[in-house]
Amino acid sequence: MPKTVIYCCSFLGPIVTSRVNNDNGAWTYHVLHRFAEHSLKDGQSPYSGLIMDNTGNFYGATVAGGAYGNGTIFKFAYTDGMWKETILYDFPNCNYGCGPEGTLALDESGNLYGTAGSGTGKGCGPYTCGVVFKLSRQKNGKWKYSVVYNFTAQGGGFQPFYGVTLDHRGNLFGVTSAFGKYGGGTAFQISILPSPSNQFVEVSGLRRSRQRA
């Protein structure tokens, strides 16, 4: 039986890995990392899953913690027989997004894409609109943060909590949790275009369900 390994996150605890034991088929549980509570050097509450690059490194997000308390983007690399965490980005404030909850997406060039349900935007009333963001690896080893799209609730929905998915052409797809044509959120596509702007297309407006009395 081939060895099966599953990597995932725990909402209020560690990053964990489980694998199938080839001898008896039993699942064994291993902790890769325990996030430090109330630490400026680590994130907290990893709501999202993990993604893996072609060299076996893992990337993920925490909705809170980090240097400013607004969430982090992190990397795990297996080095010298152990998993080492590196914080790639600390969200400094919510002016350009914060509190990333969704699973990240990775393109062929090694850039990371994600969503932050909290962030700047107009027209969302008492709520924050949210952003789609990009982290680009720089030659000096650092990562540059940029906003791909700013939600403003002008028909396109807001609060994109759930991350994005990339197709082979580099288009981004995702959903918002609120607003849109019917008030129940939207499914959207973002086409990455040359600066200064990207093209946003609302694929569909999701109808809000009504509970029966």
C-alpha atoms as a PDB file:
ATOM      1  CA  MET A   1       0.000   0.000   0.000  1.00  0.00           C
ATOM      2  CA  PRO A   2       1.566   3.350  -1.007  1.00  0.00           C
ATOM      3  CA  LYS A   3       2.438   5.730   1.789  1.00  0.00           C
ATOM      4  CA  THR A   4      -0.146   8.491   2.121  1.00  0.00           C
ATOM      5  CA  VAL A   5       0.671  11.754   3.888  1.00  0.00           C
ATOM      6  CA  ILE A   6      -1.870  14.467   4.678  1.00  0.00           C
ATOM      7  CA  TYR A   7      -0.819  17.957   5.730  1.00  0.00           C
ATOM      8  CA  CYS A   8      -3.350  20.292   7.311  1.00  0.00           C
ATOM      9  CA  CYS A   9      -3.984  22.991   9.866  1.00  0.00           C
ATOM     10  CA  SER A  10      -5.790  23.035  13.172  1.00  0.00           C
ATOM     11  CA  PHE A  11      -7.995  26.040  13.956  1.00  0.00           C
ATOM     12  CA  LEU A  12      -6.762  26.629  17.524  1.00  0.00           C
ATOM     13  CA  GLY A  13      -3.636  24.532  17.532  1.00  0.00           C
ATOM     14  CA  PRO A  14      -0.707  23.176  15.572  1.00  0.00           C
ATOM     15  CA  ILE A  15       0.081  22.419  12.017  1.00  0.00           C
ATOM     16  CA  VAL A  16      -0.064  18.646  11.799  1.00  0.00           C
ATOM     17  CA  THR A  17       0.774  15.851   9.426  1.00  0.00           C
ATOM     18  CA  SER A  18      -0.758  12.378   9.357  1.00  0.00           C
ATOM     19  CA  ARG A  19       0.441   9.381   7.390  1.00  0.00           C
ATOM     20  CA  VAL A  20      -0.578   5.802   6.639  1.00  0.00           C
ATOM     21  CA  ASN A  21       1.716   3.188   8.152  1.00  0.00           C
ATOM     22  CA  ASN A  22       2.533   0.625   5.464  1.00  0.00           C
ATOM     23  CA  ASP A  23       2.720  -2.238   7.962  1.00  0.00           C
ATOM     24  CA  ASN A  24      -0.768  -2.166   9.422  1.00  0.00           C
ATOM     25  CA  GLY A  25      -2.535   0.718   7.687  1.00  0.00           C
ATOM     26  CA  ALA A  26      -2.838   2.737  10.904  1.00  0.00           C
ATOM     27  CA  TRP A  27      -2.827   6.536  10.880  1.00  0.00           C
ATOM     28  CA  THR A  28      -0.104   8.193  12.949  1.00  0.00           C
ATOM     29  CA  TYR A  29      -0.246  11.837  14.015  1.00  0.00           C
ATOM     30  CA  HIS A  30       2.779  14.155  13.979  1.00  0.00           C
ATOM     31  CA  VAL A  31       2.977  17.818  14.994  1.00  0.00           C
ATOM     32  CA  LEU A  32       5.034  19.979  12.656  1.00  0.00           C
ATOM     33  CA  HIS A  33       4.669  23.238  14.527  1.00  0.00           C
ATOM     34  CA  ARG A  34       2.811  24.689  17.487  1.00  0.00           C
ATOM     35  CA  PHE A  35       1.905  28.320  17.000  1.00  0.00           C
ATOM     36  CA  ALA A  36       3.042  30.474  19.894  1.00  0.00           C
ATOM     37  CA  GLU A  37       0.228  32.244  21.711  1.00  0.00           C
ATOM     38  CA  HIS A  38       0.684  35.986  22.247  1.00  0.00           C
ATOM     39  CA  SER A  39       3.991  36.073  20.373  1.00  0.00           C
ATOM     40  CA  LEU A  40       5.079  38.867  18.038  1.00  0.00           C
ATOM     41  CA  LYS A  41       7.266  36.367  16.165  1.00  0.00           C
ATOM     42  CA  ASP A  42       4.552  33.864  15.229  1.00  0.00           C
ATOM     43  CA  GLY A  43       1.022  33.831  13.871  1.00  0.00           C
ATOM     44  CA  GLN A  44      -2.117  32.513  15.544  1.00  0.00           C
ATOM     45  CA  SER A  45      -5.263  30.706  14.393  1.00  0.00           C
ATOM     46  CA  PRO A  46      -4.415  29.035  11.046  1.00  0.00           C
ATOM     47  CA  TYR A  47      -7.911  28.809   9.571  1.00  0.00           C
ATOM     48  CA  SER A  48      -6.687  27.869   6.107  1.00  0.00           C
ATOM     49  CA  GLY A  49      -5.129  24.768   4.625  1.00  0.00           C
ATOM     50  CA  LEU A  50      -1.589  24.399   3.309  1.00  0.00           C
ATOM     51  CA  ILE A  51      -0.241  24.433  -0.234  1.00  0.00           C
ATOM     52  CA  MET A  52       2.988  22.752  -1.348  1.00  0.00           C
ATOM     53  CA  ASP A  53       5.503  23.906  -3.966  1.00  0.00           C
ATOM     54  CA  ASN A  54       7.471  21.572  -6.230  1.00  0.00           C
ATOM     55  CA  THR A  55      10.344  21.293  -3.738  1.00  0.00           C
ATOM     56  CA  GLY A  56       8.187  20.185  -0.800  1.00  0.00           C
ATOM     57  CA  ASN A  57       7.878  23.505   1.030  1.00  0.00           C
ATOM     58  CA  PHE A  58       4.510  24.423   2.537  1.00  0.00           C
ATOM     59  CA  TYR A  59       2.795  27.816   2.657  1.00  0.00           C
ATOM     60  CA  GLY A  60      -0.132  28.990   4.744  1.00  0.00           C
ATOM     61  CA  ALA A  61      -1.774  31.897   6.548  1.00  0.00           C
ATOM     62  CA  THR A  62      -2.874  32.795  10.055  1.00  0.00           C
ATOM     63  CA  VAL A  63      -5.791  35.103  10.691  1.00  0.00           C
ATOM     64  CA  ALA A  64      -4.164  36.719  13.736  1.00  0.00           C
ATOM     65  CA  GLY A  65      -0.849  37.099  15.514  1.00  0.00           C
ATOM     66  CA  GLY A  66       2.467  38.194  14.070  1.00  0.00           C
ATOM     67  CA  ALA A  67       4.391  41.399  14.616  1.00  0.00           C
ATOM     68  CA  TYR A  68       1.269  43.585  14.411  1.00  0.00           C
ATOM     69  CA  GLY A  69      -1.447  41.155  15.489  1.00  0.00           C
ATOM     70  CA  ASN A  70      -3.170  41.273  12.079  1.00  0.00           C
ATOM     71  CA  GLY A  71      -2.138  37.888  10.688  1.00  0.00           C
ATOM     72  CA  THR A  72       0.777  36.368   8.804  1.00  0.00           C
ATOM     73  CA  ILE A  73       1.815  34.444   5.707  1.00  0.00           C
ATOM     74  CA  PHE A  74       4.277  31.672   6.577  1.00  0.00           C
ATOM     75  CA  LYS A  75       6.454  28.993   5.026  1.00  0.00           C
ATOM     76  CA  PHE A  76       7.544  25.581   6.302  1.00  0.00           C
ATOM     77  CA  ALA A  77      10.735  24.003   4.963  1.00  0.00           C
ATOM     78  CA  TYR A  78      12.143  20.624   5.984  1.00  0.00           C
ATOM     79  CA  THR A  79      15.738  21.290   7.061  1.00  0.00           C
ATOM     80  CA  ASP A  80      18.175  19.097   9.008  1.00  0.00           C
ATOM     81  CA  GLY A  81      15.514  16.583   9.933  1.00  0.00           C
ATOM     82  CA  MET A  82      12.941  19.077  11.187  1.00  0.00           C
ATOM     83  CA  TRP A  83      10.351  21.558   9.907  1.00  0.00           C
ATOM     84  CA  LYS A  84      11.392  25.205  10.157  1.00  0.00           C
ATOM     85  CA  GLU A  85       8.891  28.058  10.009  1.00  0.00           C
ATOM     86  CA  THR A  86       9.652  31.355   8.293  1.00  0.00           C
ATOM     87  CA  ILE A  87       7.279  34.322   8.427  1.00  0.00           C
ATOM     88  CA  LEU A  88       7.112  35.727   4.900  1.00  0.00           C
ATOM     89  CA  TYR A  89       4.803  38.630   5.641  1.00  0.00           C
ATOM     90  CA  ASP A  90       3.258  40.352   8.666  1.00  0.00           C
ATOM     91  CA  PHE A  91       0.097  42.333   7.904  1.00  0.00           C
ATOM     92  CA  PRO A  92       0.920  45.782   9.362  1.00  0.00           C
ATOM     93  CA  ASN A  93      -2.640  47.160   9.402  1.00  0.00           C
ATOM     94  CA  CYS A  94      -5.979  46.711   7.672  1.00  0.00           C
ATOM     95  CA  ASN A  95      -5.604  49.546   5.172  1.00  0.00           C
ATOM     96  CA  TYR A  96      -4.591  47.057   2.484  1.00  0.00           C
ATOM     97  CA  GLY A  97      -6.049  43.870   3.885  1.00  0.00           C
ATOM     98  CA  CYS A  98      -5.549  41.857   7.056  1.00  0.00           C
ATOM     99  CA  GLY A  99      -6.729  38.671   8.768  1.00  0.00           C
ATOM    100  CA  PRO A 100      -6.222  36.226   5.850  1.00  0.00           C
ATOM    101  CA  GLU A 101      -8.455  33.168   6.324  1.00  0.00           C
ATOM    102  CA  GLY A 102      -8.439  31.333   2.984  1.00  0.00           C
ATOM    103  CA  THR A 103      -5.970  28.832   1.559  1.00  0.00           C
ATOM    104  CA  LEU A 104      -3.287  30.409  -0.632  1.00  0.00           C
ATOM    105  CA  ALA A 105      -2.661  29.774  -4.342  1.00  0.00           C
ATOM    106  CA  LEU A 106       0.772  29.383  -5.934  1.00  0.00           C
ATOM    107  CA  ASP A 107       1.615  30.216  -9.560  1.00  0.00           C
ATOM    108  CA  GLU A 108       4.363  28.758 -11.756  1.00  0.00           C
ATOM    109  CA  SER A 109       6.727  31.619 -10.896  1.00  0.00           C
ATOM    110  CA  GLY A 110       6.418  30.970  -7.169  1.00  0.00           C
ATOM    111  CA  ASN A 111       4.173  33.953  -6.402  1.00  0.00           C
ATOM    112  CA  LEU A 112       1.497  33.549  -3.757  1.00  0.00           C
ATOM    113  CA  TYR A 113      -2.111  34.779  -4.022  1.00  0.00           C
ATOM    114  CA  GLY A 114      -4.709  34.992  -1.295  1.00  0.00           C
ATOM    115  CA  THR A 115      -7.672  36.868   0.128  1.00  0.00           C
ATOM    116  CA  ALA A 116      -8.161  38.935   3.239  1.00  0.00           C
ATOM    117  CA  GLY A 117     -11.757  39.443   4.307  1.00  0.00           C
ATOM    118  CA  SER A 118     -10.757  42.457   6.362  1.00  0.00           C
ATOM    119  CA  GLY A 119      -9.388  45.485   4.613  1.00  0.00           C
ATOM    120  CA  THR A 120     -10.038  48.744   2.862  1.00  0.00           C
ATOM    121  CA  GLY A 121     -12.939  49.445   0.541  1.00  0.00           C
ATOM    122  CA  LYS A 122     -15.993  51.651   0.253  1.00  0.00           C
ATOM    123  CA  GLY A 123     -19.672  50.852   0.349  1.00  0.00           C
ATOM    124  CA  CYS A 124     -19.601  47.935   2.785  1.00  0.00           C
ATOM    125  CA  GLY A 125     -21.348  49.744   5.611  1.00  0.00           C
ATOM    126  CA  PRO A 126     -20.113  48.680   9.060  1.00  0.00           C
ATOM    127  CA  TYR A 127     -18.126  45.816   7.501  1.00  0.00           C
ATOM    128  CA  THR A 128     -14.739  45.738   5.811  1.00  0.00           C
ATOM    129  CA  CYS A 129     -14.744  44.922   2.117  1.00  0.00           C
ATOM    130  CA  GLY A 130     -11.599  42.822   1.758  1.00  0.00           C
ATOM    131  CA  VAL A 131      -8.916  42.357  -0.886  1.00  0.00           C
ATOM    132  CA  VAL A 132      -7.240  39.839  -3.161  1.00  0.00           C
ATOM    133  CA  PHE A 133      -3.482  40.103  -2.615  1.00  0.00           C
ATOM    134  CA  LYS A 134      -0.226  38.873  -4.126  1.00  0.00           C
ATOM    135  CA  LEU A 135       3.132  38.111  -2.545  1.00  0.00           C
ATOM    136  CA  SER A 136       6.040  38.205  -5.012  1.00  0.00           C
ATOM    137  CA  ARG A 137       9.432  36.714  -4.201  1.00  0.00           C
ATOM    138  CA  GLN A 138      12.207  39.291  -4.671  1.00  0.00           C
ATOM    139  CA  LYS A 139      15.842  38.719  -5.673  1.00  0.00           C
ATOM    140  CA  ASN A 140      16.997  39.638  -2.162  1.00  0.00           C
ATOM    141  CA  GLY A 141      14.895  36.815  -0.706  1.00  0.00           C
ATOM    142  CA  LYS A 142      12.196  39.077   0.707  1.00  0.00           C
ATOM    143  CA  TRP A 143       8.547  39.070  -0.366  1.00  0.00           C
ATOM    144  CA  LYS A 144       6.677  42.063  -1.769  1.00  0.00           C
ATOM    145  CA  TYR A 145       2.992  42.521  -0.905  1.00  0.00           C
ATOM    146  CA  SER A 146       0.585  44.101  -3.387  1.00  0.00           C
ATOM    147  CA  VAL A 147      -3.186  44.353  -3.710  1.00  0.00           C
ATOM    148  CA  VAL A 148      -4.536  42.661  -6.838  1.00  0.00           C
ATOM    149  CA  TYR A 149      -8.127  43.754  -6.316  1.00  0.00           C
ATOM    150  CA  ASN A 150      -9.958  45.919  -3.790  1.00  0.00           C
ATOM    151  CA  PHE A 151     -13.579  44.960  -3.121  1.00  0.00           C
ATOM    152  CA  THR A 152     -15.958  47.906  -2.859  1.00  0.00           C
ATOM    153  CA  ALA A 153     -19.360  46.167  -2.809  1.00  0.00           C
ATOM    154  CA  GLN A 154     -20.337  47.859  -6.068  1.00  0.00           C
ATOM    155  CA  GLY A 155     -22.117  44.748  -7.316  1.00  0.00           C
ATOM    156  CA  GLY A 156     -19.039  42.544  -6.919  1.00  0.00           C
ATOM    157  CA  GLY A 157     -19.601  41.390  -3.372  1.00  0.00           C
ATOM    158  CA  PHE A 158     -17.334  41.735  -0.365  1.00  0.00           C
ATOM    159  CA  GLN A 159     -15.587  39.760   2.381  1.00  0.00           C
ATOM    160  CA  PRO A 160     -13.742  37.135   0.290  1.00  0.00           C
ATOM    161  CA  PHE A 161     -12.894  34.825   3.181  1.00  0.00           C
ATOM    162  CA  TYR A 162     -12.146  31.634   1.281  1.00  0.00           C
ATOM    163  CA  GLY A 163      -9.026  32.209  -0.825  1.00  0.00           C
ATOM    164  CA  VAL A 164      -8.618  31.936  -4.596  1.00  0.00           C
ATOM    165  CA  THR A 165      -7.859  29.259  -7.185  1.00  0.00           C
ATOM    166  CA  LEU A 166      -5.587  29.719 -10.216  1.00  0.00           C
ATOM    167  CA  ASP A 167      -6.204  28.241 -13.654  1.00  0.00           C
ATOM    168  CA  HIS A 168      -3.472  27.468 -16.204  1.00  0.00           C
ATOM    169  CA  ARG A 169      -3.861  30.910 -17.780  1.00  0.00           C
ATOM    170  CA  GLY A 170      -3.233  32.720 -14.507  1.00  0.00           C
ATOM    171  CA  ASN A 171      -6.858  33.761 -13.897  1.00  0.00           C
ATOM    172  CA  LEU A 172      -7.982  33.874 -10.278  1.00  0.00           C
ATOM    173  CA  PHE A 173     -11.340  32.487  -9.138  1.00  0.00           C
ATOM    174  CA  GLY A 174     -13.036  32.861  -5.772  1.00  0.00           C
ATOM    175  CA  VAL A 175     -16.199  33.689  -3.872  1.00  0.00           C
ATOM    176  CA  THR A 176     -17.409  36.439  -1.570  1.00  0.00           C
ATOM    177  CA  SER A 177     -19.619  35.870   1.444  1.00  0.00           C
ATOM    178  CA  ALA A 178     -21.959  38.839   1.023  1.00  0.00           C
ATOM    179  CA  PHE A 179     -23.576  41.417  -1.273  1.00  0.00           C
ATOM    180  CA  GLY A 180     -23.743  40.936  -5.044  1.00  0.00           C
ATOM    181  CA  LYS A 181     -26.888  40.967  -7.191  1.00  0.00           C
ATOM    182  CA  TYR A 182     -28.999  38.926  -4.762  1.00  0.00           C
ATOM    183  CA  GLY A 183     -27.254  39.828  -1.508  1.00  0.00           C
ATOM    184  CA  GLY A 184     -25.902  36.341  -0.840  1.00  0.00           C
ATOM    185  CA  GLY A 185     -22.378  36.782  -2.212  1.00  0.00           C
ATOM    186  CA  THR A 186     -20.737  36.253  -5.594  1.00  0.00           C
ATOM    187  CA  ALA A 187     -18.465  33.929  -7.518  1.00  0.00           C
ATOM    188  CA  PHE A 188     -15.826  35.959  -9.347  1.00  0.00           C
ATOM    189  CA  GLN A 189     -12.940  35.820 -11.803  1.00  0.00           C
ATOM    190  CA  ILE A 190      -9.960  38.179 -11.843  1.00  0.00           C
ATOM    191  CA  SER A 191      -7.795  38.341 -14.948  1.00  0.00           C
ATOM    192  CA  ILE A 192      -4.290  39.587 -14.250  1.00  0.00           C
ATOM    193  CA  LEU A 193      -3.571  42.406 -16.714  1.00  0.00           C
ATOM    194  CA  PRO A 194      -0.586  44.758 -17.120  1.00  0.00           C
ATOM    195  CA  SER A 195      -0.553  47.690 -14.724  1.00  0.00           C
ATOM    196  CA  PRO A 196      -2.297  49.760 -13.599  1.00  0.00           C
ATOM    197  CA  SER A 197      -5.435  47.635 -13.199  1.00  0.00           C
ATOM    198  CA  ASN A 198      -6.781  44.091 -13.293  1.00  0.00           C
ATOM    199  CA  GLN A 199     -10.090  42.964 -14.773  1.00  0.00           C
ATOM    200  CA  PHE A 200     -12.790  41.801 -12.374  1.00  0.00           C
ATOM    201  CA  VAL A 201     -15.698  39.743 -13.652  1.00  0.00           C
ATOM    202  CA  GLU A 202     -18.629  38.627 -11.525  1.00  0.00           C
ATOM    203  CA  VAL A 203     -19.245  35.072 -12.669  1.00  0.00           C
ATOM    204  CA  SER A 204     -22.544  34.813 -10.832  1.00  0.00           C
ATOM    205  CA  GLY A 205     -24.536  36.316  -8.008  1.00  0.00           C
ATOM    206  CA  LEU A 206     -25.405  33.743  -5.378  1.00  0.00           C
ATOM    207  CA  ARG A 207     -28.991  33.786  -4.165  1.00  0.00           C
ATOM    208  CA  ARG A 208     -29.427  34.154  -0.442  1.00  0.00           C
ATOM    209  CA  SER A 209     -31.293  31.178   0.985  1.00  0.00           C
ATOM    210  CA  ARG A 210     -34.391  31.774   3.092  1.00  0.00           C
ATOM    211  CA  GLN A 211     -35.084  29.774   6.206  1.00  0.00           C
ATOM    212  CA  ARG A 212     -38.616  28.510   6.669  1.00  0.00           C
ATOM    213  CA  ALA A 213     -40.357  29.340   9.907  1.00  0.00           C
END
